Amino acid sequence: MIADVPLFPESASHLSEQTDNLFWFLFGVSAFISVLIFLLIAVFAIKYHRRAPNEIGAPISGSLKLEIAWTVIPFVIAMIMFAWGARLFFNMAHPPPQAMQIFVVAKQWMWKAQHPEGRIEINELHVPVNRDVMLTMTSQDVIHDLFIPAFRIKADVLPNRYTSMWFRASKPGRYHLFCAEYCGTNHALMGGWVTVMEPADFEDWLSRGERGRSMVESGAVLFQNYKCANCHVEDGSGHAPSLMGVYGAPVRLTTGQTITADDAYLRESILNPRAKIVAGYRPEMPSFQRILNEEQVLQLIAYIKTMSAGKPLQTTGSELSNPAR
């Protein structure tokens, strides 16, 4: 018996509906123009073909109205495509400010998702239905690409930098995720599932599962274990700038340039601290390039964000004595 294979993946997010609408508009316009051109070619080939070897065609004068029509109409249609596509692109590129954060690390050949509460998943991603979800992603080795066909979203996952994408799942279910960038021998096996759940079921799943510290708690432990507080003194009197309120704030560098302290800046400052030196300080911080993995860097950034909120988490001696908790 032949399996019933759908022509298109199931539509399961608000972005997928918008993307499909644009796709069908582009397809309809392209199909109409293609059919019109082939019909005109056939009609003109029949109507104006040479009937005798010595036949001379009658001169045809141009039509200003026709010239204006086939210039203006395609221009208007192209502008509609551009405006519609640009609006959809900006919707995809700008996640809502209150979106739920999930952090994804790609490596050959698996996806590792980490929830802020501490729950970790391998090749699985559980999310609640009808809630904005933002994925902050990085690769631990080569270029990957996270693709969820049912949501119509796809984004490169790159080493040494963060990329992001967001979605709002519109109905519960299980949906395939893939790596869409050839990344090595087992690329074809680098896949998994997104499980969309009702909000109450998701909260139950989140609370039932085995988990350790939250990302903020893990970041606080790393911050203390590596003695970061010895230099990053809260009042700014240490050898390094204070991290209180730094996230999202402008930072002036020794070059005179001013940049915003976002996730990418904090990651670079941890792994390559001499790349951008804060004005008034010397390049004394060691690199943690081969000391911290990508998950630990994300945990440190999560903790530094709480400093920007003015409420850094305080760790206890028992936490420091058991960093693998």
C-alpha atoms as a PDB file:
ATOM      1  CA  MET A   1       0.000   0.000   0.000  1.00  0.00           C
ATOM      2  CA  ILE A   2       1.407   3.409  -0.964  1.00  0.00           C
ATOM      3  CA  ALA A   3       1.832   5.775   1.997  1.00  0.00           C
ATOM      4  CA  ASP A   4      -0.075   9.027   1.941  1.00  0.00           C
ATOM      5  CA  VAL A   5       2.785  11.522   1.712  1.00  0.00           C
ATOM      6  CA  PRO A   6       1.690  15.190   1.781  1.00  0.00           C
ATOM      7  CA  LEU A   7       2.999  17.478  -0.923  1.00  0.00           C
ATOM      8  CA  PHE A   8       3.878  20.135   1.673  1.00  0.00           C
ATOM      9  CA  PRO A   9       4.840  19.795   5.362  1.00  0.00           C
ATOM     10  CA  GLU A  10       2.124  20.415   7.902  1.00  0.00           C
ATOM     11  CA  SER A  11       1.629  24.075   8.826  1.00  0.00           C
ATOM     12  CA  ALA A  12       2.040  24.429  12.584  1.00  0.00           C
ATOM     13  CA  SER A  13       3.080  27.993  13.416  1.00  0.00           C
ATOM     14  CA  HIS A  14       1.894  31.532  12.801  1.00  0.00           C
ATOM     15  CA  LEU A  15       4.992  32.134  10.650  1.00  0.00           C
ATOM     16  CA  SER A  16       4.216  29.090   8.509  1.00  0.00           C
ATOM     17  CA  GLU A  17       0.815  30.498   7.544  1.00  0.00           C
ATOM     18  CA  GLN A  18       2.335  33.856   6.566  1.00  0.00           C
ATOM     19  CA  THR A  19       5.132  32.144   4.633  1.00  0.00           C
ATOM     20  CA  ASP A  20       2.710  29.877   2.776  1.00  0.00           C
ATOM     21  CA  ASN A  21       0.519  32.828   1.787  1.00  0.00           C
ATOM     22  CA  LEU A  22       3.519  34.627   0.293  1.00  0.00           C
ATOM     23  CA  PHE A  23       4.703  31.447  -1.432  1.00  0.00           C
ATOM     24  CA  TRP A  24       1.349  30.840  -3.101  1.00  0.00           C
ATOM     25  CA  PHE A  25       1.162  34.470  -4.248  1.00  0.00           C
ATOM     26  CA  LEU A  26       4.640  34.211  -5.816  1.00  0.00           C
ATOM     27  CA  PHE A  27       3.753  30.848  -7.331  1.00  0.00           C
ATOM     28  CA  GLY A  28       0.471  32.186  -8.755  1.00  0.00           C
ATOM     29  CA  VAL A  29       2.091  35.247 -10.328  1.00  0.00           C
ATOM     30  CA  SER A  30       4.956  33.169 -11.762  1.00  0.00           C
ATOM     31  CA  ALA A  31       2.570  30.552 -13.146  1.00  0.00           C
ATOM     32  CA  PHE A  32       0.304  33.197 -14.715  1.00  0.00           C
ATOM     33  CA  ILE A  33       3.208  35.009 -16.399  1.00  0.00           C
ATOM     34  CA  SER A  34       4.765  31.734 -17.609  1.00  0.00           C
ATOM     35  CA  VAL A  35       1.495  30.510 -19.126  1.00  0.00           C
ATOM     36  CA  LEU A  36       0.819  33.930 -20.676  1.00  0.00           C
ATOM     37  CA  ILE A  37       4.271  34.033 -22.306  1.00  0.00           C
ATOM     38  CA  PHE A  38       3.983  30.510 -23.759  1.00  0.00           C
ATOM     39  CA  LEU A  39       0.476  31.221 -25.048  1.00  0.00           C
ATOM     40  CA  LEU A  40       1.618  34.426 -26.721  1.00  0.00           C
ATOM     41  CA  ILE A  41       4.583  32.628 -28.270  1.00  0.00           C
ATOM     42  CA  ALA A  42       2.256  29.959 -29.672  1.00  0.00           C
ATOM     43  CA  VAL A  43      -0.303  32.507 -30.949  1.00  0.00           C
ATOM     44  CA  PHE A  44       2.309  34.746 -32.572  1.00  0.00           C
ATOM     45  CA  ALA A  45       4.126  31.763 -34.094  1.00  0.00           C
ATOM     46  CA  ILE A  46       0.914  30.649 -35.759  1.00  0.00           C
ATOM     47  CA  LYS A  47      -0.435  34.073 -36.719  1.00  0.00           C
ATOM     48  CA  TYR A  48       2.763  35.619 -38.031  1.00  0.00           C
ATOM     49  CA  HIS A  49       4.635  32.682 -39.515  1.00  0.00           C
ATOM     50  CA  ARG A  50       5.854  33.118 -43.110  1.00  0.00           C
ATOM     51  CA  ARG A  51       3.394  31.525 -45.514  1.00  0.00           C
ATOM     52  CA  ALA A  52       5.486  31.967 -48.710  1.00  0.00           C
ATOM     53  CA  PRO A  53       9.244  32.163 -49.267  1.00  0.00           C
ATOM     54  CA  ASN A  54       9.001  35.691 -50.656  1.00  0.00           C
ATOM     55  CA  GLU A  55       6.397  36.998 -48.198  1.00  0.00           C
ATOM     56  CA  ILE A  56       7.320  40.291 -46.504  1.00  0.00           C
ATOM     57  CA  GLY A  57       5.718  41.111 -43.191  1.00  0.00           C
ATOM     58  CA  ALA A  58       3.658  44.255 -42.782  1.00  0.00           C
ATOM     59  CA  PRO A  59       5.247  46.936 -40.582  1.00  0.00           C
ATOM     60  CA  ILE A  60       3.729  47.186 -37.093  1.00  0.00           C
ATOM     61  CA  SER A  61       3.781  50.501 -35.273  1.00  0.00           C
ATOM     62  CA  GLY A  62       4.359  50.597 -31.501  1.00  0.00           C
ATOM     63  CA  SER A  63       1.714  51.310 -28.860  1.00  0.00           C
ATOM     64  CA  LEU A  64       2.549  53.776 -26.105  1.00  0.00           C
ATOM     65  CA  LYS A  65      -0.325  52.487 -23.941  1.00  0.00           C
ATOM     66  CA  LEU A  66       0.924  48.907 -24.265  1.00  0.00           C
ATOM     67  CA  GLU A  67       4.505  49.948 -23.424  1.00  0.00           C
ATOM     68  CA  ILE A  68       3.311  51.789 -20.302  1.00  0.00           C
ATOM     69  CA  ALA A  69       1.078  48.876 -19.273  1.00  0.00           C
ATOM     70  CA  TRP A  70       3.740  46.162 -19.432  1.00  0.00           C
ATOM     71  CA  THR A  71       6.169  48.429 -17.593  1.00  0.00           C
ATOM     72  CA  VAL A  72       3.897  49.687 -14.811  1.00  0.00           C
ATOM     73  CA  ILE A  73       1.980  46.465 -14.075  1.00  0.00           C
ATOM     74  CA  PRO A  74       5.073  44.243 -13.515  1.00  0.00           C
ATOM     75  CA  PHE A  75       6.652  47.052 -11.460  1.00  0.00           C
ATOM     76  CA  VAL A  76       3.594  47.235  -9.173  1.00  0.00           C
ATOM     77  CA  ILE A  77       3.516  43.449  -8.788  1.00  0.00           C
ATOM     78  CA  ALA A  78       7.255  43.396  -7.982  1.00  0.00           C
ATOM     79  CA  MET A  79       6.793  46.116  -5.337  1.00  0.00           C
ATOM     80  CA  ILE A  80       3.976  44.108  -3.746  1.00  0.00           C
ATOM     81  CA  MET A  81       6.298  41.083  -3.593  1.00  0.00           C
ATOM     82  CA  PHE A  82       9.078  43.191  -2.114  1.00  0.00           C
ATOM     83  CA  ALA A  83       6.908  44.841   0.539  1.00  0.00           C
ATOM     84  CA  TRP A  84       5.221  41.570   1.518  1.00  0.00           C
ATOM     85  CA  GLY A  85       8.535  39.702   1.687  1.00  0.00           C
ATOM     86  CA  ALA A  86      10.263  42.506   3.615  1.00  0.00           C
ATOM     87  CA  ARG A  87       7.454  42.616   6.164  1.00  0.00           C
ATOM     88  CA  LEU A  88       7.648  38.841   6.672  1.00  0.00           C
ATOM     89  CA  PHE A  89      11.456  39.016   6.922  1.00  0.00           C
ATOM     90  CA  PHE A  90      11.339  41.699   9.605  1.00  0.00           C
ATOM     91  CA  ASN A  91       8.710  39.722  11.515  1.00  0.00           C
ATOM     92  CA  MET A  92      11.019  36.704  11.456  1.00  0.00           C
ATOM     93  CA  ALA A  93      14.119  38.729  12.356  1.00  0.00           C
ATOM     94  CA  HIS A  94      12.674  40.579  15.364  1.00  0.00           C
ATOM     95  CA  PRO A  95      11.454  38.275  18.148  1.00  0.00           C
ATOM     96  CA  PRO A  96       8.953  39.658  20.654  1.00  0.00           C
ATOM     97  CA  PRO A  97      10.704  41.040  23.771  1.00  0.00           C
ATOM     98  CA  GLN A  98       8.923  38.624  26.126  1.00  0.00           C
ATOM     99  CA  ALA A  99       9.691  35.465  24.122  1.00  0.00           C
ATOM    100  CA  MET A 100      10.672  32.371  26.092  1.00  0.00           C
ATOM    101  CA  GLN A 101      14.428  31.803  25.776  1.00  0.00           C
ATOM    102  CA  ILE A 102      15.897  28.418  24.880  1.00  0.00           C
ATOM    103  CA  PHE A 103      19.604  27.952  24.156  1.00  0.00           C
ATOM    104  CA  VAL A 104      20.783  25.502  21.493  1.00  0.00           C
ATOM    105  CA  VAL A 105      24.310  24.176  20.976  1.00  0.00           C
ATOM    106  CA  ALA A 106      24.975  22.180  17.803  1.00  0.00           C
ATOM    107  CA  LYS A 107      27.807  19.696  17.512  1.00  0.00           C
ATOM    108  CA  GLN A 108      28.626  16.745  15.263  1.00  0.00           C
ATOM    109  CA  TRP A 109      26.079  15.241  15.145  1.00  0.00           C
ATOM    110  CA  MET A 110      23.464  16.289  17.687  1.00  0.00           C
ATOM    111  CA  TRP A 111      21.367  19.186  18.963  1.00  0.00           C
ATOM    112  CA  LYS A 112      21.570  20.088  22.635  1.00  0.00           C
ATOM    113  CA  ALA A 113      18.838  22.385  23.965  1.00  0.00           C
ATOM    114  CA  GLN A 114      19.049  23.996  27.385  1.00  0.00           C
ATOM    115  CA  HIS A 115      16.072  25.599  29.117  1.00  0.00           C
ATOM    116  CA  PRO A 116      16.752  28.504  31.533  1.00  0.00           C
ATOM    117  CA  GLU A 117      15.252  26.406  34.347  1.00  0.00           C
ATOM    118  CA  GLY A 118      18.031  23.830  33.889  1.00  0.00           C
ATOM    119  CA  ARG A 119      16.295  21.128  31.832  1.00  0.00           C
ATOM    120  CA  ILE A 120      18.538  19.782  29.047  1.00  0.00           C
ATOM    121  CA  GLU A 121      17.386  17.907  25.947  1.00  0.00           C
ATOM    122  CA  ILE A 122      19.280  15.998  23.260  1.00  0.00           C
ATOM    123  CA  ASN A 123      17.730  16.024  19.770  1.00  0.00           C
ATOM    124  CA  GLU A 124      14.429  16.998  21.369  1.00  0.00           C
ATOM    125  CA  LEU A 125      12.770  20.333  21.999  1.00  0.00           C
ATOM    126  CA  HIS A 126       9.650  20.731  24.141  1.00  0.00           C
ATOM    127  CA  VAL A 127       7.744  24.017  23.893  1.00  0.00           C
ATOM    128  CA  PRO A 128       4.261  25.265  24.869  1.00  0.00           C
ATOM    129  CA  VAL A 129       1.647  25.989  22.230  1.00  0.00           C
ATOM    130  CA  ASN A 130       0.727  29.603  21.361  1.00  0.00           C
ATOM    131  CA  ARG A 131       3.771  31.058  23.107  1.00  0.00           C
ATOM    132  CA  ASP A 132       6.635  32.981  21.504  1.00  0.00           C
ATOM    133  CA  VAL A 133       9.868  30.981  21.707  1.00  0.00           C
ATOM    134  CA  MET A 134      13.307  32.358  20.832  1.00  0.00           C
ATOM    135  CA  LEU A 135      16.223  30.031  20.107  1.00  0.00           C
ATOM    136  CA  THR A 136      19.723  31.418  20.731  1.00  0.00           C
ATOM    137  CA  MET A 137      22.102  29.121  18.880  1.00  0.00           C
ATOM    138  CA  THR A 138      25.790  28.459  18.407  1.00  0.00           C
ATOM    139  CA  SER A 139      27.953  25.629  17.100  1.00  0.00           C
ATOM    140  CA  GLN A 140      30.758  23.887  18.946  1.00  0.00           C
ATOM    141  CA  ASP A 141      32.504  22.725  15.762  1.00  0.00           C
ATOM    142  CA  VAL A 142      31.369  23.362  12.154  1.00  0.00           C
ATOM    143  CA  ILE A 143      28.514  25.199  10.432  1.00  0.00           C
ATOM    144  CA  HIS A 144      25.098  23.612  11.010  1.00  0.00           C
ATOM    145  CA  ASP A 145      21.599  24.786  10.089  1.00  0.00           C
ATOM    146  CA  LEU A 146      18.494  24.270  12.211  1.00  0.00           C
ATOM    147  CA  PHE A 147      15.442  23.629  10.030  1.00  0.00           C
ATOM    148  CA  ILE A 148      11.889  22.959  11.266  1.00  0.00           C
ATOM    149  CA  PRO A 149       9.765  22.472   8.112  1.00  0.00           C
ATOM    150  CA  ALA A 150       6.379  22.576   9.864  1.00  0.00           C
ATOM    151  CA  PHE A 151       7.248  26.024  11.249  1.00  0.00           C
ATOM    152  CA  ARG A 152       8.815  27.226   7.952  1.00  0.00           C
ATOM    153  CA  ILE A 153      11.914  28.481   9.781  1.00  0.00           C
ATOM    154  CA  LYS A 154      15.576  27.802   9.116  1.00  0.00           C
ATOM    155  CA  ALA A 155      18.762  29.505  10.322  1.00  0.00           C
ATOM    156  CA  ASP A 156      22.499  28.867  10.156  1.00  0.00           C
ATOM    157  CA  VAL A 157      24.163  27.827  13.411  1.00  0.00           C
ATOM    158  CA  LEU A 158      27.731  29.082  13.325  1.00  0.00           C
ATOM    159  CA  PRO A 159      30.855  28.520  15.423  1.00  0.00           C
ATOM    160  CA  ASN A 160      32.213  31.503  17.372  1.00  0.00           C
ATOM    161  CA  ARG A 161      29.029  33.554  17.183  1.00  0.00           C
ATOM    162  CA  TYR A 162      25.340  33.556  18.114  1.00  0.00           C
ATOM    163  CA  THR A 163      22.429  33.371  15.720  1.00  0.00           C
ATOM    164  CA  SER A 164      18.771  33.291  16.646  1.00  0.00           C
ATOM    165  CA  MET A 165      15.320  32.543  15.331  1.00  0.00           C
ATOM    166  CA  TRP A 166      11.867  32.498  16.875  1.00  0.00           C
ATOM    167  CA  PHE A 167       8.483  30.923  16.356  1.00  0.00           C
ATOM    168  CA  ARG A 168       5.030  30.543  17.877  1.00  0.00           C
ATOM    169  CA  ALA A 169       3.696  27.009  17.495  1.00  0.00           C
ATOM    170  CA  SER A 170      -0.007  27.062  16.660  1.00  0.00           C
ATOM    171  CA  LYS A 171      -1.063  23.510  17.518  1.00  0.00           C
ATOM    172  CA  PRO A 172       0.159  20.632  19.684  1.00  0.00           C
ATOM    173  CA  GLY A 173       2.004  17.754  18.060  1.00  0.00           C
ATOM    174  CA  ARG A 174       5.443  16.370  17.168  1.00  0.00           C
ATOM    175  CA  TYR A 175       7.349  17.918  14.295  1.00  0.00           C
ATOM    176  CA  HIS A 176      10.653  16.992  12.667  1.00  0.00           C
ATOM    177  CA  LEU A 177      13.753  19.156  12.979  1.00  0.00           C
ATOM    178  CA  PHE A 178      16.770  18.708  10.742  1.00  0.00           C
ATOM    179  CA  CYS A 179      20.261  19.983  10.055  1.00  0.00           C
ATOM    180  CA  ALA A 180      20.034  21.622   6.626  1.00  0.00           C
ATOM    181  CA  GLU A 181      23.767  22.265   6.166  1.00  0.00           C
ATOM    182  CA  TYR A 182      26.108  19.421   5.218  1.00  0.00           C
ATOM    183  CA  CYS A 183      28.245  19.071   8.341  1.00  0.00           C
ATOM    184  CA  GLY A 184      30.120  15.804   7.960  1.00  0.00           C
ATOM    185  CA  THR A 185      29.750  12.033   7.742  1.00  0.00           C
ATOM    186  CA  ASN A 186      26.593  11.649   9.840  1.00  0.00           C
ATOM    187  CA  HIS A 187      24.880  14.822   8.665  1.00  0.00           C
ATOM    188  CA  ALA A 188      21.816  12.877   7.487  1.00  0.00           C
ATOM    189  CA  LEU A 189      21.329  11.489  11.010  1.00  0.00           C
ATOM    190  CA  MET A 190      21.452  14.898  12.711  1.00  0.00           C
ATOM    191  CA  GLY A 191      17.773  15.371  13.364  1.00  0.00           C
ATOM    192  CA  GLY A 192      15.191  15.281  16.101  1.00  0.00           C
ATOM    193  CA  TRP A 193      11.724  16.328  17.158  1.00  0.00           C
ATOM    194  CA  VAL A 194       9.939  19.412  18.391  1.00  0.00           C
ATOM    195  CA  THR A 195       7.118  18.504  20.785  1.00  0.00           C
ATOM    196  CA  VAL A 196       4.459  21.195  21.134  1.00  0.00           C
ATOM    197  CA  MET A 197       2.391  20.852  24.308  1.00  0.00           C
ATOM    198  CA  GLU A 198      -0.487  22.556  26.033  1.00  0.00           C
ATOM    199  CA  PRO A 199       0.834  25.119  28.564  1.00  0.00           C
ATOM    200  CA  ALA A 200      -0.223  23.065  31.605  1.00  0.00           C
ATOM    201  CA  ASP A 201       1.335  19.901  30.139  1.00  0.00           C
ATOM    202  CA  PHE A 202       4.537  21.775  29.352  1.00  0.00           C
ATOM    203  CA  GLU A 203       4.847  23.118  32.904  1.00  0.00           C
ATOM    204  CA  ASP A 204       4.250  19.604  34.215  1.00  0.00           C
ATOM    205  CA  TRP A 205       6.926  18.218  31.858  1.00  0.00           C
ATOM    206  CA  LEU A 206       9.350  20.961  32.904  1.00  0.00           C
ATOM    207  CA  SER A 207       8.851  20.235  36.618  1.00  0.00           C
ATOM    208  CA  ARG A 208       8.878  16.430  36.347  1.00  0.00           C
ATOM    209  CA  GLY A 209      12.072  16.019  34.382  1.00  0.00           C
ATOM    210  CA  GLU A 210      15.515  15.475  35.820  1.00  0.00           C
ATOM    211  CA  ARG A 211      17.399  18.738  35.969  1.00  0.00           C
ATOM    212  CA  GLY A 212      20.190  20.353  37.891  1.00  0.00           C
ATOM    213  CA  ARG A 213      20.745  24.010  38.531  1.00  0.00           C
ATOM    214  CA  SER A 214      19.123  26.653  36.408  1.00  0.00           C
ATOM    215  CA  MET A 215      21.332  28.402  33.876  1.00  0.00           C
ATOM    216  CA  VAL A 216      21.639  31.434  36.146  1.00  0.00           C
ATOM    217  CA  GLU A 217      22.601  29.274  39.125  1.00  0.00           C
ATOM    218  CA  SER A 218      25.185  27.393  37.054  1.00  0.00           C
ATOM    219  CA  GLY A 219      26.576  30.693  35.787  1.00  0.00           C
ATOM    220  CA  ALA A 220      26.848  32.006  39.358  1.00  0.00           C
ATOM    221  CA  VAL A 221      28.829  28.932  40.381  1.00  0.00           C
ATOM    222  CA  LEU A 222      31.180  29.344  37.396  1.00  0.00           C
ATOM    223  CA  PHE A 223      31.583  33.037  38.199  1.00  0.00           C
ATOM    224  CA  GLN A 224      32.710  32.190  41.720  1.00  0.00           C
ATOM    225  CA  ASN A 225      34.759  29.081  40.865  1.00  0.00           C
ATOM    226  CA  TYR A 226      36.872  30.994  38.357  1.00  0.00           C
ATOM    227  CA  LYS A 227      37.288  33.951  40.775  1.00  0.00           C
ATOM    228  CA  CYS A 228      35.702  36.415  38.352  1.00  0.00           C
ATOM    229  CA  ALA A 229      34.477  38.524  41.285  1.00  0.00           C
ATOM    230  CA  ASN A 230      38.075  39.224  42.346  1.00  0.00           C
ATOM    231  CA  CYS A 231      38.546  41.543  39.362  1.00  0.00           C
ATOM    232  CA  HIS A 232      34.968  42.415  38.374  1.00  0.00           C
ATOM    233  CA  VAL A 233      34.207  44.196  41.635  1.00  0.00           C
ATOM    234  CA  GLU A 234      30.677  45.572  41.863  1.00  0.00           C
ATOM    235  CA  ASP A 235      31.753  49.144  42.618  1.00  0.00           C
ATOM    236  CA  GLY A 236      34.245  49.199  39.718  1.00  0.00           C
ATOM    237  CA  SER A 237      37.340  49.346  41.960  1.00  0.00           C
ATOM    238  CA  GLY A 238      38.827  46.105  40.618  1.00  0.00           C
ATOM    239  CA  HIS A 239      41.244  45.394  37.778  1.00  0.00           C
ATOM    240  CA  ALA A 240      38.299  44.828  35.421  1.00  0.00           C
ATOM    241  CA  PRO A 241      35.096  46.821  34.826  1.00  0.00           C
ATOM    242  CA  SER A 242      32.065  46.186  36.997  1.00  0.00           C
ATOM    243  CA  LEU A 243      29.424  43.971  35.425  1.00  0.00           C
ATOM    244  CA  MET A 244      26.558  45.540  37.345  1.00  0.00           C
ATOM    245  CA  GLY A 245      24.122  46.909  34.773  1.00  0.00           C
ATOM    246  CA  VAL A 246      26.483  46.214  31.871  1.00  0.00           C
ATOM    247  CA  TYR A 247      24.161  44.030  29.763  1.00  0.00           C
ATOM    248  CA  GLY A 248      22.413  46.116  27.139  1.00  0.00           C
ATOM    249  CA  ALA A 249      24.364  49.224  28.129  1.00  0.00           C
ATOM    250  CA  PRO A 250      26.825  51.188  25.950  1.00  0.00           C
ATOM    251  CA  VAL A 251      30.495  50.349  26.538  1.00  0.00           C
ATOM    252  CA  ARG A 252      33.302  52.707  25.554  1.00  0.00           C
ATOM    253  CA  LEU A 253      36.470  51.043  24.282  1.00  0.00           C
ATOM    254  CA  THR A 254      40.095  52.153  24.274  1.00  0.00           C
ATOM    255  CA  THR A 255      39.739  52.765  20.511  1.00  0.00           C
ATOM    256  CA  GLY A 256      37.131  55.433  21.228  1.00  0.00           C
ATOM    257  CA  GLN A 257      34.373  53.283  19.781  1.00  0.00           C
ATOM    258  CA  THR A 258      31.164  52.741  21.748  1.00  0.00           C
ATOM    259  CA  ILE A 259      29.348  49.412  21.442  1.00  0.00           C
ATOM    260  CA  THR A 260      26.391  47.743  23.139  1.00  0.00           C
ATOM    261  CA  ALA A 261      27.082  44.938  25.599  1.00  0.00           C
ATOM    262  CA  ASP A 262      24.955  42.191  24.077  1.00  0.00           C
ATOM    263  CA  ASP A 263      25.334  38.398  24.122  1.00  0.00           C
ATOM    264  CA  ALA A 264      27.925  38.411  21.316  1.00  0.00           C
ATOM    265  CA  TYR A 265      30.061  41.039  23.094  1.00  0.00           C
ATOM    266  CA  LEU A 266      29.984  39.140  26.397  1.00  0.00           C
ATOM    267  CA  ARG A 267      30.883  35.868  24.669  1.00  0.00           C
ATOM    268  CA  GLU A 268      33.817  37.484  22.894  1.00  0.00           C
ATOM    269  CA  SER A 269      34.966  39.121  26.125  1.00  0.00           C
ATOM    270  CA  ILE A 270      35.007  35.734  27.872  1.00  0.00           C
ATOM    271  CA  LEU A 271      36.755  33.750  25.132  1.00  0.00           C
ATOM    272  CA  ASN A 272      38.877  36.493  23.554  1.00  0.00           C
ATOM    273  CA  PRO A 273      39.086  39.288  26.152  1.00  0.00           C
ATOM    274  CA  ARG A 274      41.765  41.284  24.298  1.00  0.00           C
ATOM    275  CA  ALA A 275      39.620  41.788  21.217  1.00  0.00           C
ATOM    276  CA  LYS A 276      37.808  44.783  22.736  1.00  0.00           C
ATOM    277  CA  ILE A 277      39.337  46.554  25.755  1.00  0.00           C
ATOM    278  CA  VAL A 278      37.132  48.787  27.884  1.00  0.00           C
ATOM    279  CA  ALA A 279      38.443  52.342  28.199  1.00  0.00           C
ATOM    280  CA  GLY A 280      40.349  52.895  31.438  1.00  0.00           C
ATOM    281  CA  TYR A 281      41.401  49.256  31.892  1.00  0.00           C
ATOM    282  CA  ARG A 282      44.417  47.204  30.874  1.00  0.00           C
ATOM    283  CA  PRO A 283      44.220  43.921  28.879  1.00  0.00           C
ATOM    284  CA  GLU A 284      44.888  41.644  31.869  1.00  0.00           C
ATOM    285  CA  MET A 285      42.006  39.147  31.684  1.00  0.00           C
ATOM    286  CA  PRO A 286      43.039  35.598  30.608  1.00  0.00           C
ATOM    287  CA  SER A 287      41.235  33.809  27.816  1.00  0.00           C
ATOM    288  CA  PHE A 288      38.796  31.014  28.643  1.00  0.00           C
ATOM    289  CA  GLN A 289      38.807  29.702  25.056  1.00  0.00           C
ATOM    290  CA  ARG A 290      39.767  26.112  25.909  1.00  0.00           C
ATOM    291  CA  ILE A 291      38.500  26.162  29.473  1.00  0.00           C
ATOM    292  CA  LEU A 292      34.781  26.792  29.060  1.00  0.00           C
ATOM    293  CA  ASN A 293      32.504  25.055  26.575  1.00  0.00           C
ATOM    294  CA  GLU A 294      29.657  26.798  24.776  1.00  0.00           C
ATOM    295  CA  GLU A 295      27.058  25.726  27.335  1.00  0.00           C
ATOM    296  CA  GLN A 296      29.101  27.185  30.197  1.00  0.00           C
ATOM    297  CA  VAL A 297      29.565  30.447  28.308  1.00  0.00           C
ATOM    298  CA  LEU A 298      25.791  30.685  27.892  1.00  0.00           C
ATOM    299  CA  GLN A 299      25.368  30.043  31.629  1.00  0.00           C
ATOM    300  CA  LEU A 300      27.818  32.811  32.499  1.00  0.00           C
ATOM    301  CA  ILE A 301      26.005  35.232  30.205  1.00  0.00           C
ATOM    302  CA  ALA A 302      22.683  34.281  31.826  1.00  0.00           C
ATOM    303  CA  TYR A 303      24.179  35.133  35.233  1.00  0.00           C
ATOM    304  CA  ILE A 304      25.667  38.433  34.020  1.00  0.00           C
ATOM    305  CA  LYS A 305      22.193  39.420  32.800  1.00  0.00           C
ATOM    306  CA  THR A 306      20.945  39.151  36.387  1.00  0.00           C
ATOM    307  CA  MET A 307      23.684  41.591  37.375  1.00  0.00           C
ATOM    308  CA  SER A 308      22.266  43.998  34.832  1.00  0.00           C
ATOM    309  CA  ALA A 309      18.918  43.618  36.543  1.00  0.00           C
ATOM    310  CA  GLY A 310      20.643  44.653  39.769  1.00  0.00           C
ATOM    311  CA  LYS A 311      19.932  41.341  41.512  1.00  0.00           C
ATOM    312  CA  PRO A 312      22.880  38.978  41.048  1.00  0.00           C
ATOM    313  CA  LEU A 313      22.312  35.495  42.421  1.00  0.00           C
ATOM    314  CA  GLN A 314      24.322  34.715  45.539  1.00  0.00           C
ATOM    315  CA  THR A 315      25.965  31.300  45.702  1.00  0.00           C
ATOM    316  CA  THR A 316      26.635  29.302  48.851  1.00  0.00           C
ATOM    317  CA  GLY A 317      29.661  27.354  49.989  1.00  0.00           C
ATOM    318  CA  SER A 318      27.877  24.030  49.403  1.00  0.00           C
ATOM    319  CA  GLU A 319      27.241  24.981  45.755  1.00  0.00           C
ATOM    320  CA  LEU A 320      30.877  25.899  45.196  1.00  0.00           C
ATOM    321  CA  SER A 321      32.091  22.644  46.683  1.00  0.00           C
ATOM    322  CA  ASN A 322      29.960  20.625  44.257  1.00  0.00           C
ATOM    323  CA  PRO A 323      30.191  22.359  40.859  1.00  0.00           C
ATOM    324  CA  ALA A 324      28.765  19.347  39.008  1.00  0.00           C
ATOM    325  CA  ARG A 325      25.503  19.445  40.913  1.00  0.00           C
END
